[in-house]
Amino acid sequence: MHWIFLLIAGLFEISWAVGLKYTQGFTKILPSSITIICMITSFYFLALALKNLPLGIAYAIWTGIGTVGTVIIGILLFKEPITLIKFLCIFLIITGIAGLKFLTQP
């Protein structure tokens, strides 16, 4: 269950990172409120995951999910350019996340 909590935390991290784009420096009430709720939810599920996972592993995976997801959303939603080197770097992050998950004994 702790891995599911970590995945949920990562998905909410993506949500709040993307949400920051819409807050316009926290001057827009609705996007700012949604972003803050996503932040709190992300930290809550990360805290639940940390009850059973090592800090370094959980944090690395949490930030990796957020990084990869945010880059993908940026490409799809905001038409950010994708280059071969960017794709390679994302692939390496995904490989690292998978390696940490499958090689970690809680």
Protein backbone atom coordinates (compact mmCIF):
# COMPACT_ATOMS: atom_id res chain seq x y z
CA MET A 1 0.00 0.00 0.00
CA HIS A 2 2.91 2.38 0.70
CA TRP A 3 3.95 2.24 -2.97
CA ILE A 4 0.43 3.24 -3.98
CA PHE A 5 0.59 6.15 -1.51
CA LEU A 6 3.86 7.19 -3.11
CA LEU A 7 2.35 7.03 -6.60
CA ILE A 8 -0.62 9.14 -5.47
CA ALA A 9 1.78 11.62 -3.88
CA GLY A 10 3.71 11.81 -7.16
CA LEU A 11 0.55 12.41 -9.19
CA PHE A 12 -0.49 15.23 -6.89
CA GLU A 13 3.03 16.64 -7.18
CA ILE A 14 2.53 16.80 -10.95
CA SER A 15 -0.82 18.49 -10.36
CA TRP A 16 0.56 21.21 -8.12
CA ALA A 17 3.58 21.82 -10.32
CA VAL A 18 1.35 22.30 -13.35
CA GLY A 19 -1.08 24.30 -11.24
CA LEU A 20 1.66 26.81 -10.44
CA LYS A 21 1.63 27.79 -14.11
CA TYR A 22 -2.00 28.87 -13.77
CA THR A 23 -1.75 30.73 -10.44
CA GLN A 24 0.11 33.67 -12.00
CA GLY A 25 2.21 34.12 -8.90
CA PHE A 26 -0.66 33.14 -6.60
CA THR A 27 -2.72 36.11 -7.80
CA LYS A 28 -5.56 33.93 -9.15
CA ILE A 29 -7.74 32.61 -6.31
CA LEU A 30 -9.20 29.42 -7.81
CA PRO A 31 -6.01 28.07 -9.43
CA SER A 32 -4.04 29.03 -6.30
CA SER A 33 -6.51 27.25 -4.02
CA ILE A 34 -6.47 24.10 -6.14
CA THR A 35 -2.67 24.18 -6.29
CA ILE A 36 -2.35 24.51 -2.51
CA ILE A 37 -4.81 21.63 -1.98
CA CYS A 38 -2.74 19.50 -4.37
CA MET A 39 0.44 20.43 -2.47
CA ILE A 40 -1.04 19.44 0.87
CA THR A 41 -2.43 16.21 -0.56
CA SER A 42 0.90 15.36 -2.16
CA PHE A 43 2.77 15.88 1.11
CA TYR A 44 0.15 13.92 3.03
CA PHE A 45 0.48 10.85 0.81
CA LEU A 46 4.27 11.19 0.82
CA ALA A 47 4.16 11.18 4.62
CA LEU A 48 2.02 8.03 4.57
CA ALA A 49 4.48 6.33 2.22
CA LEU A 50 7.37 7.32 4.46
CA LYS A 51 5.93 5.24 7.30
CA ASN A 52 7.23 2.13 5.49
CA LEU A 53 9.71 3.31 2.87
CA PRO A 54 13.23 4.67 3.33
CA LEU A 55 13.34 8.46 3.09
CA GLY A 56 15.96 8.66 0.33
CA ILE A 57 14.21 6.11 -1.88
CA ALA A 58 10.72 7.58 -1.39
CA TYR A 59 11.87 11.14 -1.95
CA ALA A 60 13.84 10.23 -5.08
CA ILE A 61 10.88 8.37 -6.56
CA TRP A 62 8.43 11.14 -5.58
CA THR A 63 10.51 13.82 -7.25
CA GLY A 64 11.17 11.56 -10.23
CA ILE A 65 7.45 10.99 -10.80
CA GLY A 66 6.90 14.73 -10.49
CA THR A 67 9.73 15.58 -12.84
CA VAL A 68 8.79 13.12 -15.57
CA GLY A 69 5.09 13.90 -15.32
CA THR A 70 5.63 17.64 -15.38
CA VAL A 71 7.88 17.40 -18.44
CA ILE A 72 5.32 15.25 -20.25
CA ILE A 73 2.48 17.65 -19.37
CA GLY A 74 4.65 20.56 -20.50
CA ILE A 75 5.19 18.89 -23.86
CA LEU A 76 1.54 17.90 -24.33
CA LEU A 77 -0.27 20.87 -22.80
CA PHE A 78 2.12 23.77 -23.26
CA LYS A 79 3.77 22.62 -26.51
CA GLU A 80 7.25 22.68 -24.95
CA PRO A 81 9.84 21.28 -27.35
CA ILE A 82 11.04 17.70 -27.05
CA THR A 83 14.59 16.98 -28.13
CA LEU A 84 16.47 13.72 -28.32
CA ILE A 85 18.60 14.66 -25.31
CA LYS A 86 15.51 15.65 -23.29
CA PHE A 87 13.89 12.32 -24.20
CA LEU A 88 17.06 10.45 -23.18
CA CYS A 89 17.21 12.26 -19.84
CA ILE A 90 13.56 11.45 -19.12
CA PHE A 91 14.24 7.81 -20.03
CA LEU A 92 17.14 7.76 -17.56
CA ILE A 93 14.93 9.20 -14.81
CA ILE A 94 12.26 6.57 -15.48
CA THR A 95 14.92 3.85 -15.44
CA GLY A 96 16.21 5.17 -12.12
CA ILE A 97 12.72 5.26 -10.61
CA ALA A 98 12.05 1.69 -11.74
CA GLY A 99 15.40 0.55 -10.40
CA LEU A 100 14.81 2.14 -7.01
CA LYS A 101 11.34 0.63 -6.79
CA PHE A 102 12.29 -2.89 -7.74
CA LEU A 103 15.55 -3.00 -5.78
CA THR A 104 14.12 -1.59 -2.54
CA GLN A 105 13.07 -3.89 0.26
CA PRO A 106 10.71 -2.00 2.60
